[in-house]
Protein backbone atom coordinates (compact mmCIF):
# COMPACT_ATOMS: atom_id res chain seq x y z
CA MET A 1 4.37 -8.23 -23.12
CA LYS A 2 4.17 -11.85 -24.76
CA GLU A 3 4.23 -13.14 -21.26
CA ARG A 4 2.64 -10.84 -18.70
CA PRO A 5 3.08 -10.96 -15.24
CA THR A 6 0.65 -11.95 -13.62
CA ALA A 7 0.37 -9.14 -10.71
CA ILE A 8 1.88 -6.16 -9.89
CA PHE A 9 2.91 -4.27 -6.39
CA CYS A 10 2.34 -0.26 -7.30
CA PHE A 11 4.08 1.80 -4.76
CA ASN A 12 0.73 3.66 -2.97
CA ASP A 13 -2.56 3.25 -3.79
CA ILE A 14 -2.76 6.09 -6.51
CA MET A 15 -0.12 4.40 -8.32
CA ALA A 16 -2.59 1.08 -7.78
CA LEU A 17 -5.80 2.71 -8.99
CA ALA A 18 -4.02 4.57 -11.90
CA ALA A 19 -2.96 0.69 -13.55
CA ILE A 20 -6.61 -0.86 -13.07
CA SER A 21 -7.46 1.99 -15.00
CA THR A 22 -4.81 1.89 -17.28
CA PHE A 23 -5.13 -2.08 -18.08
CA ARG A 24 -8.99 -1.44 -18.28
CA SER A 25 -8.08 0.71 -21.17
CA ASN A 26 -6.20 -1.54 -22.84
CA GLY A 27 -8.34 -4.54 -22.84
CA LEU A 28 -7.15 -6.60 -19.74
CA SER A 29 -9.18 -7.50 -16.60
CA VAL A 30 -8.62 -6.74 -13.17
CA PRO A 31 -7.90 -9.55 -11.23
CA GLU A 32 -8.97 -12.62 -14.06
CA ASP A 33 -5.98 -11.07 -16.20
CA ILE A 34 -4.04 -9.22 -13.67
CA SER A 35 -3.88 -8.93 -9.91
CA VAL A 36 -3.49 -5.18 -8.30
CA VAL A 37 -2.11 -4.92 -4.88
CA GLY A 38 -1.43 -0.95 -3.69
CA TYR A 39 0.13 0.06 -0.63
CA ASP A 40 -1.89 3.22 1.61
CA ASN A 41 -4.71 1.77 1.96
CA ILE A 42 -6.16 5.15 1.50
CA GLU A 43 -9.99 5.54 1.52
CA LEU A 44 -10.99 4.90 -2.19
CA ALA A 45 -9.36 1.60 -1.80
CA ALA A 46 -12.36 0.01 -0.76
CA TYR A 47 -14.98 2.05 -3.11
CA PHE A 48 -12.90 1.34 -6.57
CA SER A 49 -14.41 -1.00 -8.60
CA PRO A 50 -12.78 -3.62 -8.02
CA PRO A 51 -11.89 -2.69 -4.71
CA LEU A 52 -8.25 -2.90 -4.05
CA THR A 53 -5.86 -4.58 -2.22
CA THR A 54 -3.66 -2.93 -0.14
CA VAL A 55 -0.69 -2.40 2.57
CA HIS A 56 -1.91 -0.86 5.48
CA GLN A 57 0.54 1.27 7.91
CA PRO A 58 -1.04 2.54 10.80
CA LYS A 59 -0.12 5.55 9.91
CA LYS A 60 -1.55 7.80 13.17
CA ARG A 61 0.75 5.62 15.40
CA LEU A 62 4.05 6.15 13.41
CA GLY A 63 3.42 9.40 13.03
CA LYS A 64 3.16 10.16 16.79
CA THR A 65 5.92 8.04 17.34
CA ALA A 66 8.11 10.08 15.43
CA VAL A 67 7.48 12.99 16.91
CA LYS A 68 7.68 11.48 20.52
CA LEU A 69 11.31 9.99 19.26
CA LEU A 70 12.35 13.39 18.21
CA LEU A 71 11.51 15.55 20.76
CA GLU A 72 13.42 12.78 23.45
CA ARG A 73 16.00 13.06 21.11
CA ILE A 74 16.03 17.11 21.13
CA ASN A 75 16.26 16.97 24.66
CA ASN A 76 18.67 14.41 25.30
CA ARG A 77 21.08 14.95 22.58
CA ASP A 78 23.16 11.57 23.68
CA ASN A 79 20.25 9.97 23.20
CA THR A 80 21.23 6.73 21.93
CA GLN A 81 19.82 5.03 18.23
CA GLN A 82 15.82 3.56 18.79
CA VAL A 83 14.08 1.04 16.75
CA PHE A 84 10.78 1.60 16.42
CA GLU A 85 8.70 -1.16 14.41
CA VAL A 86 5.31 -1.58 13.15
CA LYS A 87 3.62 -4.06 11.67
CA PRO A 88 1.71 -3.14 8.67
CA GLU A 89 -1.27 -5.50 7.80
CA LEU A 90 -2.51 -7.15 4.30
CA VAL A 91 -5.86 -5.59 3.50
CA VAL A 92 -7.80 -8.44 0.64
CA ARG A 93 -10.28 -6.86 -1.51
CA GLY A 94 -11.03 -8.00 -4.97
CA SER A 95 -7.95 -6.35 -6.98
CA VAL A 96 -6.17 -10.00 -6.34
CA VAL A 97 -7.10 -13.17 -7.47
CA ALA A 98 -5.47 -16.54 -5.91
CA ARG A 99 -3.64 -18.18 -9.30
């Protein structure tokens, strides 16, 4: 691209790590040339080079709550719709730089 983006946000951490590898293979440096952010906060993210900035979602809490709500719904079919909100957290590591 003539004018590259300054950052890319990937659907998940595996895609972000693949993007970093692809950028490197094409002569781009992360985060100097382009910043990369993933989503999931997989364990490998902290140990990649550079360590991946990612969004952490409390998966265990989300799963437990989903099962609890499902069981409540099965036991009480008249149960009204419920909204469960989780707050993701940005885990800043070395794959981003302020521009």
